[in-house]
C-alpha atoms as a PDB file:
ATOM      1  CA  TRP A   1    -172.728  86.911-108.012  1.00  0.00           C
ATOM      2  CA  ARG A   2    -170.764  86.381-105.105  1.00  0.00           C
ATOM      3  CA  PHE A   3    -168.100  83.491-104.855  1.00  0.00           C
ATOM      4  CA  GLU A   4    -169.126  81.135-101.607  1.00  0.00           C
ATOM      5  CA  ALA A   5    -166.059  78.575-100.356  1.00  0.00           C
ATOM      6  CA  ALA A   6    -166.847  75.307-100.865  1.00  0.00           C
ATOM      7  CA  GLY A   7    -164.552  72.050-100.340  1.00  0.00           C
ATOM      8  CA  ASP A   8    -162.136  72.193-102.529  1.00  0.00           C
ATOM      9  CA  GLY A   9    -163.576  75.353-104.675  1.00  0.00           C
ATOM     10  CA  VAL A  10    -166.621  77.721-105.082  1.00  0.00           C
ATOM     11  CA  ARG A  11    -170.164  77.796-105.231  1.00  0.00           C
ATOM     12  CA  LEU A  12    -171.740  80.965-107.194  1.00  0.00           C
ATOM     13  CA  VAL A  13    -174.602  82.581-105.175  1.00  0.00           C
ATOM     14  CA  SER A  14    -176.913  84.832-106.885  1.00  0.00           C
ATOM     15  CA  ARG A  15    -177.048  87.767-104.632  1.00  0.00           C
ATOM     16  CA  ALA A  16    -180.559  88.540-105.626  1.00  0.00           C
ATOM     17  CA  THR A  17    -182.131  85.301-105.039  1.00  0.00           C
ATOM     18  CA  GLY A  18    -179.687  83.336-102.865  1.00  0.00           C
ATOM     19  CA  LYS A  19    -179.398  80.224-104.992  1.00  0.00           C
ATOM     20  CA  CYS A  20    -176.408  78.561-106.570  1.00  0.00           C
ATOM     21  CA  VAL A  21    -175.474  78.335-109.978  1.00  0.00           C
ATOM     22  CA  THR A  22    -176.152  74.598-111.293  1.00  0.00           C
ATOM     23  CA  PRO A  23    -176.126  72.315-114.202  1.00  0.00           C
ATOM     24  CA  LEU A  24    -179.381  71.641-115.027  1.00  0.00           C
ATOM     25  CA  GLY A  25    -180.696  68.335-113.486  1.00  0.00           C
ATOM     26  CA  GLY A  26    -177.406  68.056-112.049  1.00  0.00           C
ATOM     27  CA  LYS A  27    -175.621  67.144-115.062  1.00  0.00           C
ATOM     28  CA  VAL A  28    -171.661  67.926-115.405  1.00  0.00           C
ATOM     29  CA  ALA A  29    -171.616  67.526-119.169  1.00  0.00           C
ATOM     30  CA  ALA A  30    -170.343  69.312-122.517  1.00  0.00           C
ATOM     31  CA  GLY A  31    -173.205  71.398-123.997  1.00  0.00           C
ATOM     32  CA  VAL A  32    -175.563  71.085-120.530  1.00  0.00           C
ATOM     33  CA  PRO A  33    -176.810  74.941-119.873  1.00  0.00           C
ATOM     34  CA  LEU A  34    -176.694  76.473-116.451  1.00  0.00           C
ATOM     35  CA  THR A  35    -178.992  77.159-113.791  1.00  0.00           C
ATOM     36  CA  GLN A  36    -180.030  78.279-110.649  1.00  0.00           C
ATOM     37  CA  SER A  37    -181.391  76.035-107.462  1.00  0.00           C
ATOM     38  CA  ASP A  38    -180.962  75.893-104.120  1.00  0.00           C
ATOM     39  CA  CYS A  39    -177.800  75.796-102.944  1.00  0.00           C
ATOM     40  CA  SER A  40    -176.830  72.068-101.464  1.00  0.00           C
ATOM     41  CA  ALA A  41    -173.823  69.473-100.744  1.00  0.00           C
ATOM     42  CA  ASP A  42    -174.022  68.733-104.727  1.00  0.00           C
ATOM     43  CA  ARG A  43    -170.595  68.769-106.196  1.00  0.00           C
ATOM     44  CA  SER A  44    -172.358  70.077-109.370  1.00  0.00           C
ATOM     45  CA  GLN A  45    -172.262  72.860-107.800  1.00  0.00           C
ATOM     46  CA  ILE A  46    -168.933  73.384-106.637  1.00  0.00           C
ATOM     47  CA  PHE A  47    -166.301  75.052-109.594  1.00  0.00           C
ATOM     48  CA  ALA A  48    -162.514  74.879-109.017  1.00  0.00           C
ATOM     49  CA  VAL A  49    -161.287  78.947-110.192  1.00  0.00           C
ATOM     50  CA  SER A  50    -158.022  79.308-111.925  1.00  0.00           C
ATOM     51  CA  THR A  51    -156.304  81.998-113.807  1.00  0.00           C
ATOM     52  CA  GLY A  52    -155.347  82.899-117.144  1.00  0.00           C
ATOM     53  CA  PRO A  53    -154.451  85.625-119.323  1.00  0.00           C
ATOM     54  CA  ASP A  54    -157.630  86.635-119.849  1.00  0.00           C
ATOM     55  CA  GLY A  55    -159.142  86.301-116.659  1.00  0.00           C
ATOM     56  CA  LEU A  56    -160.850  83.870-114.242  1.00  0.00           C
ATOM     57  CA  THR A  57    -161.599  80.185-115.439  1.00  0.00           C
ATOM     58  CA  LEU A  58    -164.657  78.577-113.721  1.00  0.00           C
ATOM     59  CA  GLY A  59    -164.363  74.526-113.977  1.00  0.00           C
ATOM     60  CA  ASN A  60    -166.233  71.638-113.200  1.00  0.00           C
ATOM     61  CA  GLY A  61    -165.288  68.214-113.749  1.00  0.00           C
ATOM     62  CA  GLY A  62    -162.767  69.013-116.237  1.00  0.00           C
ATOM     63  CA  LEU A  63    -165.422  71.258-118.144  1.00  0.00           C
ATOM     64  CA  VAL A  64    -165.152  75.214-118.043  1.00  0.00           C
ATOM     65  CA  VAL A  65    -168.128  77.821-117.906  1.00  0.00           C
ATOM     66  CA  GLY A  66    -168.783  79.537-120.619  1.00  0.00           C
ATOM     67  CA  VAL A  67    -171.246  81.545-123.203  1.00  0.00           C
ATOM     68  CA  GLY A  68    -173.622  79.166-125.317  1.00  0.00           C
ATOM     69  CA  ASP A  69    -175.488  79.127-128.549  1.00  0.00           C
ATOM     70  CA  GLN A  70    -178.527  78.908-126.432  1.00  0.00           C
ATOM     71  CA  ARG A  71    -180.584  82.035-125.995  1.00  0.00           C
ATOM     72  CA  TYR A  72    -182.872  82.955-123.633  1.00  0.00           C
ATOM     73  CA  GLY A  73    -184.860  85.653-124.468  1.00  0.00           C
ATOM     74  CA  GLU A  74    -182.281  87.876-126.114  1.00  0.00           C
ATOM     75  CA  GLN A  75    -179.673  86.454-123.694  1.00  0.00           C
ATOM     76  CA  SER A  76    -176.866  84.240-124.431  1.00  0.00           C
ATOM     77  CA  VAL A  77    -176.712  81.049-121.881  1.00  0.00           C
ATOM     78  CA  LEU A  78    -173.992  79.815-119.904  1.00  0.00           C
ATOM     79  CA  VAL A  79    -172.811  76.391-120.574  1.00  0.00           C
ATOM     80  CA  LEU A  80    -170.661  74.032-119.837  1.00  0.00           C
ATOM     81  CA  GLN A  81    -168.235  73.472-122.445  1.00  0.00           C
ATOM     82  CA  ASP A  82    -164.742  71.750-123.042  1.00  0.00           C
ATOM     83  CA  ARG A  83    -161.888  73.973-122.379  1.00  0.00           C
ATOM     84  CA  ALA A  84    -160.784  75.908-125.808  1.00  0.00           C
ATOM     85  CA  GLY A  85    -158.883  78.887-123.986  1.00  0.00           C
ATOM     86  CA  VAL A  86    -160.767  81.404-125.282  1.00  0.00           C
ATOM     87  CA  ARG A  87    -162.207  84.401-124.287  1.00  0.00           C
ATOM     88  CA  HIS A  88    -165.826  83.539-123.894  1.00  0.00           C
ATOM     89  CA  GLN A  89    -164.609  81.201-120.766  1.00  0.00           C
ATOM     90  CA  ALA A  90    -162.865  83.697-119.437  1.00  0.00           C
ATOM     91  CA  TRP A  91    -164.240  85.802-116.177  1.00  0.00           C
ATOM     92  CA  ILE A  92    -163.547  89.009-113.974  1.00  0.00           C
ATOM     93  CA  ALA A  93    -164.166  88.828-110.265  1.00  0.00           C
ATOM     94  CA  ARG A  94    -165.157  92.573-108.926  1.00  0.00           C
ATOM     95  CA  PRO A  95    -165.296  93.390-105.466  1.00  0.00           C
ATOM     96  CA  ALA A  96    -169.210  94.594-104.640  1.00  0.00           C
END
């Protein structure tokens, strides 16, 4: 993944597919899973980045990206969540 500047935030773009992280159906609401779709001018693809004690927080519409309870195969799905300041909502960015 790479950050791409977009308006007042960033888009998260897959290095493998060139697609952007997008809330399913473009709906910004708690519990909505994050998927990949073509990058566009859609505001739902723009995330604000802030820092906290555990790392970076990626926010969208007052919600943050976190690890959800849903599974895709053996992997947990990332979802939009209410901000709780917990570790599963914090991320670390490293240079490629």
